[in-house]
Amino acid sequence: MPMPIRALPSCLFLALAAALLAMTLAWHVPMMLWDHLDLVPLLEALRNGERLPSQLLRIYGGHMLTAAYGVLLATTTLSGGQTWLDCLVSWVLLVAAALLLRSLVRDAFPTSSRRDLAMAALLVLLALHPGHLANLQWGWQVAVFLCLAGVIACVHQLTRPQLGWGRLVTALAAAGLACFGFATAIAILPVALLLVWGRHDLPPRQRALMTLPWLAACLVAAAGYLGVAASHGGHDPLAVIHYTLNFLGSGVARFATDLAPLLALAGLGLVAWLAPGAWRERGGLPWLALAVFGLLAGLLVALGRAEPFGAEQAFVTRYVSFSVLFWLGLAGLLGRRWRDSGAAVPRVALAVLATFATANALHMVHKARKLGLRTAAIAQEIRATWPNVDRGLLGEIYFDQPEIAAERLERLHAWGYAPFDR
């Protein structure tokens, strides 16, 4: 087979990684906006040599962002308030996660047959999907990529040919990093529990012992978020289901919101069909784990967002970084079935999935460009009109709280941070 065809997945990986980096830097949010302005009090404490406030360990918007705060304090200090460095760190974390996924792809589709190469190319597209741009371009969202990298590292370690205690500890550490980066990572804890128990190549006693730390982690997470869950009160099951379907569907059909939940239903049906076979063999476990993680992530977000915001809020572009993992897992499951049997159903499903994923990629690039241009205009207006910034604009950049926005911009101005840097 000609070398260019064999090299297709690797070339696609490099091309997508480079394109994401170029678009991220070109369209990055050029200053602290929205939630990112909450870093200002922490920066002030750090600059004054004060003890960092308890906010580092506080649950914020349902998330404990300790690891993300640590990264952002370091990058913001090193860059002198330039947000491009935050975005660069996010890109590095995404590429690291994609390299781990590439390792799983090579295990599952190891030959140079056209079928394996086509599968590898599709999985690379989903691993480095332009849907991540919505988070890559906003430095604050480094939390998302800490989460994704930790989740994928956890799945990778637990599904290696040999699972020993060293890999188990590494997986626990990766899951811990993910959970202290973004609360959605809590979904990996029950998934990891199932992964360990699904290692039928291990003696039952060893599997039972290895599940204990994951069971303890699930209980700790449940206890820690009990108050958050109680504050949301009751949940309408239909609203939660609708939200979850929208959430999952946006991973490949954010551009077609009416069709997205139907695609999600079809995807869930395919996962249910393929799950028993994947459960019986180690090679199917990582793909099943990614699909289940995507589903549980959608349910977690739905429990926190469906009631106050409605099902349409699930189409927030930043959620695509999580929902695309469901489709990545499903693609791996379909690919293994197609590879083993050559059946028509997985082949047709993969073709449909590839078509929608490509169309969604173009849509997400367009959305990222619009956000980049809009935030660049905001930064320019603030710089040009300072200190008499329009009150409406101040409200826009910090949740209709112009006084707080003005106060935090004053600190950025005093430090010479963006958008006031030279």
Protein backbone atom coordinates (compact mmCIF):
# COMPACT_ATOMS: atom_id res chain seq x y z
CA MET A 1 0.00 0.00 0.00
CA PRO A 2 1.40 3.45 -0.85
CA MET A 3 3.05 5.27 2.03
CA PRO A 4 0.75 8.36 1.83
CA ILE A 5 -2.29 6.18 2.55
CA ARG A 6 -0.63 4.45 5.49
CA ALA A 7 0.39 7.83 6.87
CA LEU A 8 -3.11 9.32 6.58
CA PRO A 9 -4.06 9.14 10.31
CA SER A 10 -0.72 10.62 11.42
CA CYS A 11 -0.87 13.37 8.81
CA LEU A 12 -4.44 14.17 9.79
CA PHE A 13 -3.43 14.29 13.47
CA LEU A 14 -0.65 16.80 12.76
CA ALA A 15 -2.84 18.89 10.44
CA LEU A 16 -5.72 19.09 12.91
CA ALA A 17 -3.42 19.88 15.85
CA ALA A 18 -1.72 22.66 13.87
CA ALA A 19 -5.03 24.06 12.61
CA LEU A 20 -6.50 24.12 16.11
CA LEU A 21 -3.44 25.93 17.43
CA ALA A 22 -3.55 28.51 14.64
CA MET A 23 -7.29 29.18 15.06
CA THR A 24 -6.98 29.27 18.85
CA LEU A 25 -4.27 31.92 18.80
CA ALA A 26 -5.98 33.89 16.03
CA TRP A 27 -9.37 33.99 17.73
CA HIS A 28 -8.49 33.70 21.42
CA VAL A 29 -10.46 35.83 23.88
CA PRO A 30 -7.86 38.61 24.34
CA MET A 31 -8.59 39.59 27.94
CA MET A 32 -10.25 38.29 31.09
CA LEU A 33 -14.00 38.25 30.51
CA TRP A 34 -16.99 36.74 32.34
CA ASP A 35 -15.93 34.03 34.83
CA HIS A 36 -12.29 34.73 34.07
CA LEU A 37 -12.58 38.03 35.96
CA ASP A 38 -13.06 35.97 39.14
CA LEU A 39 -9.33 35.30 38.97
CA VAL A 40 -8.60 38.95 39.79
CA PRO A 41 -9.10 38.68 43.61
CA LEU A 42 -6.83 35.63 43.68
CA LEU A 43 -4.18 37.43 41.64
CA GLU A 44 -4.36 40.40 43.97
CA ALA A 45 -3.85 38.19 47.01
CA LEU A 46 -0.91 36.48 45.31
CA ARG A 47 0.71 39.76 44.26
CA ASN A 48 0.33 41.18 47.79
CA GLY A 49 1.89 38.09 49.37
CA GLU A 50 -1.34 37.32 51.18
CA ARG A 51 -2.72 33.91 51.94
CA LEU A 52 -4.86 32.76 49.03
CA PRO A 53 -8.53 32.79 50.03
CA SER A 54 -10.67 29.71 50.55
CA GLN A 55 -12.09 30.29 47.06
CA LEU A 56 -9.43 27.86 45.82
CA LEU A 57 -11.29 25.04 47.54
CA ARG A 58 -14.78 26.39 47.07
CA ILE A 59 -17.37 24.80 44.77
CA TYR A 60 -18.03 27.46 42.13
CA GLY A 61 -20.98 27.05 39.77
CA GLY A 62 -21.02 23.35 40.64
CA HIS A 63 -17.28 22.97 39.99
CA MET A 64 -14.25 22.72 42.26
CA LEU A 65 -11.65 24.51 40.14
CA THR A 66 -8.59 24.13 42.38
CA ALA A 67 -6.30 22.66 39.71
CA ALA A 68 -7.51 25.13 37.09
CA TYR A 69 -6.93 28.09 39.43
CA GLY A 70 -3.40 26.85 40.06
CA VAL A 71 -2.65 26.73 36.33
CA LEU A 72 -4.27 30.11 35.62
CA LEU A 73 -2.43 31.88 38.45
CA ALA A 74 0.85 30.58 37.05
CA THR A 75 0.16 31.34 33.38
CA THR A 76 -1.29 34.80 34.07
CA THR A 77 1.70 35.75 36.21
CA LEU A 78 4.20 34.42 33.67
CA SER A 79 2.52 36.11 30.71
CA GLY A 80 1.89 39.44 32.40
CA GLY A 81 -1.87 39.12 32.01
CA GLN A 82 -1.87 37.85 28.42
CA THR A 83 -4.53 35.20 27.87
CA TRP A 84 -2.82 33.47 24.93
CA LEU A 85 -0.65 31.45 27.32
CA ASP A 86 -3.75 30.02 29.04
CA CYS A 87 -5.03 28.96 25.62
CA LEU A 88 -1.67 27.42 24.71
CA VAL A 89 -1.72 25.30 27.87
CA SER A 90 -5.25 24.13 26.98
CA TRP A 91 -4.02 23.15 23.51
CA VAL A 92 -1.08 21.19 24.96
CA LEU A 93 -3.44 19.31 27.29
CA LEU A 94 -5.79 18.51 24.41
CA VAL A 95 -2.95 17.21 22.23
CA ALA A 96 -1.67 15.10 25.14
CA ALA A 97 -5.14 13.59 25.57
CA ALA A 98 -5.38 13.01 21.81
CA LEU A 99 -2.03 11.19 21.84
CA LEU A 100 -3.37 8.82 24.48
CA LEU A 101 -6.44 8.28 22.32
CA ARG A 102 -4.16 7.67 19.35
CA SER A 103 -2.52 4.90 21.37
CA LEU A 104 -5.94 3.31 21.93
CA VAL A 105 -6.69 3.67 18.21
CA ARG A 106 -3.48 1.84 17.26
CA ASP A 107 -4.40 -1.00 19.62
CA ALA A 108 -7.90 -1.32 18.20
CA PHE A 109 -7.08 -0.80 14.51
CA PRO A 110 -3.45 -1.89 14.14
CA THR A 111 -3.15 -2.84 10.46
CA SER A 112 -2.69 -0.85 7.27
CA SER A 113 -5.91 -2.13 5.76
CA ARG A 114 -8.18 0.50 4.27
CA ARG A 115 -10.80 -0.30 6.88
CA ASP A 116 -8.43 0.26 9.81
CA LEU A 117 -7.01 3.42 8.27
CA ALA A 118 -10.48 4.85 7.67
CA MET A 119 -11.39 4.14 11.29
CA ALA A 120 -8.17 5.67 12.58
CA ALA A 121 -8.79 8.82 10.52
CA LEU A 122 -12.35 9.20 11.85
CA LEU A 123 -11.23 8.71 15.45
CA VAL A 124 -8.44 11.26 15.02
CA LEU A 125 -11.00 13.76 13.69
CA LEU A 126 -13.17 13.20 16.77
CA ALA A 127 -10.18 13.37 19.16
CA LEU A 128 -9.05 16.74 17.74
CA HIS A 129 -12.45 17.98 16.70
CA PRO A 130 -12.84 21.72 16.02
CA GLY A 131 -15.72 21.61 18.50
CA HIS A 132 -13.00 22.08 21.13
CA LEU A 133 -12.34 25.60 19.80
CA ALA A 134 -15.12 27.06 21.93
CA ASN A 135 -13.06 26.12 24.99
CA LEU A 136 -9.58 26.44 23.52
CA GLN A 137 -10.08 30.12 22.65
CA TRP A 138 -11.18 31.13 26.15
CA GLY A 139 -8.27 30.86 28.58
CA TRP A 140 -10.56 30.34 31.55
CA GLN A 141 -11.56 26.96 30.13
CA VAL A 142 -8.20 25.36 30.86
CA ALA A 143 -10.32 23.55 33.47
CA VAL A 144 -12.08 21.66 30.68
CA PHE A 145 -8.81 20.33 29.27
CA LEU A 146 -7.47 19.35 32.67
CA CYS A 147 -10.69 17.35 32.95
CA LEU A 148 -10.45 15.77 29.49
CA ALA A 149 -6.78 14.90 29.86
CA GLY A 150 -7.37 13.31 33.26
CA VAL A 151 -10.42 11.36 32.10
CA ILE A 152 -8.70 9.97 29.00
CA ALA A 153 -5.52 9.14 30.93
CA CYS A 154 -7.64 7.25 33.45
CA VAL A 155 -9.39 5.22 30.72
CA HIS A 156 -6.07 4.60 28.99
CA GLN A 157 -4.38 3.26 32.13
CA LEU A 158 -7.25 1.00 33.17
CA THR A 159 -7.51 -0.66 29.74
CA ARG A 160 -3.83 -1.48 29.13
CA PRO A 161 -2.98 -5.14 28.41
CA GLN A 162 -1.51 -5.47 31.91
CA LEU A 163 -3.33 -3.75 34.78
CA GLY A 164 -1.26 -3.65 37.95
CA TRP A 165 -1.34 -1.55 41.09
CA GLY A 166 1.00 1.05 39.55
CA ARG A 167 -1.41 1.69 36.69
CA LEU A 168 -4.31 1.77 39.14
CA VAL A 169 -2.62 4.49 41.21
CA THR A 170 -1.83 6.46 38.05
CA ALA A 171 -5.47 6.19 36.98
CA LEU A 172 -6.63 7.40 40.40
CA ALA A 173 -4.25 10.38 40.22
CA ALA A 174 -5.48 11.24 36.72
CA ALA A 175 -9.10 11.05 37.86
CA GLY A 176 -8.28 13.26 40.85
CA LEU A 177 -6.69 15.88 38.59
CA ALA A 178 -9.75 15.77 36.35
CA CYS A 179 -12.19 16.17 39.25
CA PHE A 180 -10.28 19.12 40.68
CA GLY A 181 -10.26 20.66 37.22
CA PHE A 182 -13.94 20.40 36.33
CA ALA A 183 -16.85 18.74 38.13
CA THR A 184 -18.06 16.92 35.02
CA ALA A 185 -15.12 14.57 35.60
CA ILE A 186 -17.06 13.00 38.46
CA ALA A 187 -18.66 10.87 35.76
CA ILE A 188 -15.35 9.02 35.34
CA LEU A 189 -15.53 7.56 38.86
CA PRO A 190 -18.39 5.07 38.27
CA VAL A 191 -17.01 4.41 34.78
CA ALA A 192 -13.61 3.49 36.25
CA LEU A 193 -15.33 1.25 38.78
CA LEU A 194 -17.02 -0.61 35.91
CA LEU A 195 -13.79 -0.73 33.90
CA VAL A 196 -11.89 -2.46 36.69
CA TRP A 197 -14.70 -4.94 37.25
CA GLY A 198 -14.83 -5.55 33.51
CA ARG A 199 -11.23 -6.76 33.44
CA HIS A 200 -12.16 -10.41 33.10
CA ASP A 201 -8.47 -11.25 32.57
CA LEU A 202 -7.83 -10.52 36.28
CA PRO A 203 -8.70 -12.85 39.19
CA PRO A 204 -12.01 -11.91 40.89
CA ARG A 205 -10.25 -11.21 44.19
CA GLN A 206 -7.83 -8.75 42.56
CA ARG A 207 -10.66 -7.03 40.73
CA ALA A 208 -12.63 -6.73 43.97
CA LEU A 209 -9.67 -5.13 45.76
CA MET A 210 -9.03 -2.76 42.88
CA THR A 211 -12.62 -1.55 42.85
CA LEU A 212 -12.45 -0.44 46.51
CA PRO A 213 -10.66 2.90 45.96
CA TRP A 214 -13.05 3.74 43.12
CA LEU A 215 -16.05 2.89 45.26
CA ALA A 216 -14.64 5.13 48.03
CA ALA A 217 -14.07 7.94 45.50
CA CYS A 218 -17.68 7.64 44.31
CA LEU A 219 -18.95 7.92 47.90
CA VAL A 220 -16.71 10.93 48.66
CA ALA A 221 -17.84 12.71 45.49
CA ALA A 222 -21.50 11.96 46.23
CA ALA A 223 -21.14 13.31 49.78
CA GLY A 224 -19.23 16.39 48.61
CA TYR A 225 -21.87 17.35 46.06
CA LEU A 226 -24.90 16.42 48.17
CA GLY A 227 -25.47 20.04 49.14
CA VAL A 228 -25.17 21.21 45.54
CA ALA A 229 -27.70 18.62 44.41
CA ALA A 230 -30.11 19.51 47.23
CA SER A 231 -30.00 23.19 46.30
CA HIS A 232 -31.46 22.37 42.89
CA GLY A 233 -34.53 20.71 44.41
CA GLY A 234 -36.60 18.25 42.39
CA HIS A 235 -36.07 17.42 38.73
CA ASP A 236 -38.56 16.80 35.96
CA PRO A 237 -37.41 13.46 34.43
CA LEU A 238 -38.59 14.43 30.95
CA ALA A 239 -36.72 17.75 31.13
CA VAL A 240 -33.54 15.95 32.21
CA ILE A 241 -33.88 13.40 29.39
CA HIS A 242 -34.56 16.11 26.79
CA TYR A 243 -31.57 18.14 27.99
CA THR A 244 -29.31 15.07 27.94
CA LEU A 245 -30.32 14.18 24.39
CA ASN A 246 -29.66 17.75 23.24
CA PHE A 247 -26.31 17.68 25.05
CA LEU A 248 -25.22 14.44 23.36
CA GLY A 249 -26.58 15.39 19.96
CA SER A 250 -24.65 18.66 19.92
CA GLY A 251 -21.42 16.66 19.71
CA VAL A 252 -22.10 15.98 16.03
CA ALA A 253 -25.12 18.15 15.19
CA ARG A 254 -24.79 21.48 16.99
CA PHE A 255 -25.65 23.01 13.61
CA ALA A 256 -29.00 21.11 13.44
CA THR A 257 -30.62 21.49 16.84
CA ASP A 258 -33.93 19.89 15.81
CA LEU A 259 -32.15 16.79 14.59
CA ALA A 260 -29.61 16.53 17.41
CA PRO A 261 -31.78 14.74 20.01
CA LEU A 262 -32.93 12.19 17.42
CA LEU A 263 -29.33 11.43 16.51
CA ALA A 264 -28.55 11.07 20.20
CA LEU A 265 -31.38 8.55 20.59
CA ALA A 266 -30.04 6.57 17.65
CA GLY A 267 -26.55 6.73 19.12
CA LEU A 268 -27.75 5.46 22.49
CA GLY A 269 -29.53 2.59 20.76
CA LEU A 270 -26.32 1.61 18.97
CA VAL A 271 -24.31 1.77 22.20
CA ALA A 272 -26.87 -0.50 23.91
CA TRP A 273 -26.60 -2.94 20.99
CA LEU A 274 -22.80 -3.01 21.01
CA ALA A 275 -22.20 -2.82 24.78
CA PRO A 276 -22.54 -6.57 25.62
CA GLY A 277 -19.88 -7.54 23.09
CA ALA A 278 -17.54 -4.75 24.21
CA TRP A 279 -17.97 -5.76 27.85
CA ARG A 280 -16.73 -9.28 27.14
CA GLU A 281 -13.36 -8.21 25.67
CA ARG A 282 -10.68 -5.85 26.91
CA GLY A 283 -10.29 -4.23 23.47
CA GLY A 284 -13.85 -2.92 23.58
CA LEU A 285 -13.66 -1.50 27.10
CA PRO A 286 -12.04 1.90 26.36
CA TRP A 287 -14.63 2.74 23.69
CA LEU A 288 -17.50 1.63 25.90
CA ALA A 289 -16.03 3.69 28.75
CA LEU A 290 -15.85 6.85 26.62
CA ALA A 291 -19.44 6.43 25.43
CA VAL A 292 -20.73 5.85 28.97
CA PHE A 293 -18.69 8.79 30.29
CA GLY A 294 -20.24 11.05 27.65
CA LEU A 295 -23.73 9.90 28.64
CA LEU A 296 -23.10 10.36 32.38
CA ALA A 297 -21.53 13.77 31.76
CA GLY A 298 -24.69 14.81 29.92
CA LEU A 299 -26.86 13.58 32.79
CA LEU A 300 -24.78 15.44 35.37
CA VAL A 301 -25.02 18.69 33.44
CA ALA A 302 -28.75 18.12 32.89
CA LEU A 303 -29.35 17.66 36.62
CA GLY A 304 -27.73 21.03 37.29
CA ARG A 305 -28.95 23.01 34.28
CA ALA A 306 -32.20 21.57 32.88
CA GLU A 307 -34.52 22.93 35.55
CA PRO A 308 -33.35 26.58 35.68
CA PHE A 309 -32.33 27.05 32.03
CA GLY A 310 -34.36 24.66 29.88
CA ALA A 311 -33.31 21.99 27.37
CA GLU A 312 -32.07 24.47 24.75
CA GLN A 313 -29.24 25.53 27.05
CA ALA A 314 -27.65 22.13 26.33
CA PHE A 315 -26.55 23.53 22.95
CA VAL A 316 -23.97 25.82 24.56
CA THR A 317 -20.98 25.37 22.27
CA ARG A 318 -18.58 24.75 25.16
CA TYR A 319 -20.34 21.46 25.99
CA VAL A 320 -19.23 19.91 22.69
CA SER A 321 -15.84 19.08 24.25
CA PHE A 322 -17.65 16.57 26.46
CA SER A 323 -20.43 15.34 24.19
CA VAL A 324 -17.96 14.51 21.41
CA LEU A 325 -16.48 11.83 23.71
CA PHE A 326 -19.76 9.92 23.48
CA TRP A 327 -19.46 9.81 19.69
CA LEU A 328 -15.77 8.96 19.90
CA GLY A 329 -16.66 5.95 22.03
CA LEU A 330 -19.52 4.95 19.74
CA ALA A 331 -17.26 5.23 16.66
CA GLY A 332 -14.74 2.91 18.30
CA LEU A 333 -17.46 0.38 19.13
CA LEU A 334 -18.89 0.53 15.61
CA GLY A 335 -15.43 0.26 14.07
CA ARG A 336 -14.60 -2.89 16.01
CA ARG A 337 -17.89 -4.50 14.99
CA TRP A 338 -17.33 -3.49 11.35
CA ARG A 339 -13.76 -4.78 11.48
CA ASP A 340 -14.82 -8.16 12.88
CA SER A 341 -17.96 -8.77 10.83
CA GLY A 342 -18.02 -6.38 7.87
CA ALA A 343 -21.75 -5.92 8.59
CA ALA A 344 -23.69 -3.17 6.83
CA VAL A 345 -25.21 -1.51 9.94
CA PRO A 346 -21.93 -0.35 11.52
CA ARG A 347 -20.57 0.71 8.12
CA VAL A 348 -23.60 2.88 7.35
CA ALA A 349 -23.68 4.28 10.90
CA LEU A 350 -20.00 5.23 10.66
CA ALA A 351 -20.58 6.98 7.34
CA VAL A 352 -23.44 9.01 8.83
CA LEU A 353 -21.37 9.81 11.92
CA ALA A 354 -18.40 10.96 9.82
CA THR A 355 -20.65 13.20 7.70
CA PHE A 356 -22.27 14.91 10.69
CA ALA A 357 -18.95 15.24 12.56
CA THR A 358 -17.39 17.00 9.55
CA ALA A 359 -20.35 19.36 9.11
CA ASN A 360 -20.33 20.12 12.82
CA ALA A 361 -16.62 20.89 12.65
CA LEU A 362 -17.23 23.58 10.03
CA HIS A 363 -20.09 25.02 12.10
CA MET A 364 -17.95 25.19 15.22
CA VAL A 365 -15.11 26.92 13.37
CA HIS A 366 -17.61 29.58 12.26
CA LYS A 367 -18.89 30.04 15.84
CA ALA A 368 -15.33 30.34 17.18
CA ARG A 369 -14.46 33.00 14.64
CA LYS A 370 -17.53 35.06 15.57
CA LEU A 371 -16.67 34.88 19.26
CA GLY A 372 -13.06 35.82 18.58
CA LEU A 373 -14.05 38.90 16.57
CA ARG A 374 -16.65 39.96 19.14
CA THR A 375 -14.30 39.69 22.12
CA ALA A 376 -11.54 41.51 20.23
CA ALA A 377 -14.01 44.36 19.66
CA ILE A 378 -14.93 44.37 23.36
CA ALA A 379 -11.27 44.59 24.38
CA GLN A 380 -10.66 47.41 21.90
CA GLU A 381 -13.67 49.39 23.13
CA ILE A 382 -12.65 49.03 26.78
CA ARG A 383 -9.12 50.16 25.99
CA ALA A 384 -10.32 53.12 23.89
CA THR A 385 -12.94 54.41 26.34
CA TRP A 386 -11.18 53.75 29.64
CA PRO A 387 -12.03 54.86 32.30
CA ASN A 388 -15.44 55.89 30.94
CA VAL A 389 -16.48 52.43 29.76
CA ASP A 390 -20.13 52.10 28.80
CA ARG A 391 -22.15 50.72 31.71
CA GLY A 392 -24.00 48.34 29.41
CA LEU A 393 -20.72 46.86 28.24
CA LEU A 394 -19.54 46.48 31.84
CA GLY A 395 -22.71 44.53 32.57
CA GLU A 396 -22.12 42.36 29.51
CA ILE A 397 -18.64 41.31 30.58
CA TYR A 398 -19.62 40.33 34.13
CA PHE A 399 -23.14 38.97 34.52
CA ASP A 400 -25.02 42.28 34.73
CA GLN A 401 -22.82 43.47 37.61
CA PRO A 402 -21.12 46.58 36.17
CA GLU A 403 -19.74 47.75 39.51
CA ILE A 404 -17.77 44.55 40.03
CA ALA A 405 -16.64 44.58 36.40
CA ALA A 406 -15.36 48.16 36.75
CA GLU A 407 -13.54 47.34 39.97
CA ARG A 408 -11.77 44.35 38.41
CA LEU A 409 -10.88 46.24 35.25
CA GLU A 410 -9.32 48.88 37.50
CA ARG A 411 -6.99 46.22 38.92
CA LEU A 412 -6.09 44.99 35.42
CA HIS A 413 -5.33 48.58 34.39
CA ALA A 414 -3.12 49.14 37.43
CA TRP A 415 -1.14 45.97 36.68
CA GLY A 416 -0.85 46.69 32.95
CA TYR A 417 -2.69 43.47 32.09
CA ALA A 418 -4.72 42.98 28.92
CA PRO A 419 -6.45 44.90 27.45
CA PHE A 420 -4.33 47.70 28.93
CA ASP A 421 -0.94 46.18 28.16
CA ARG A 422 1.42 47.83 25.72
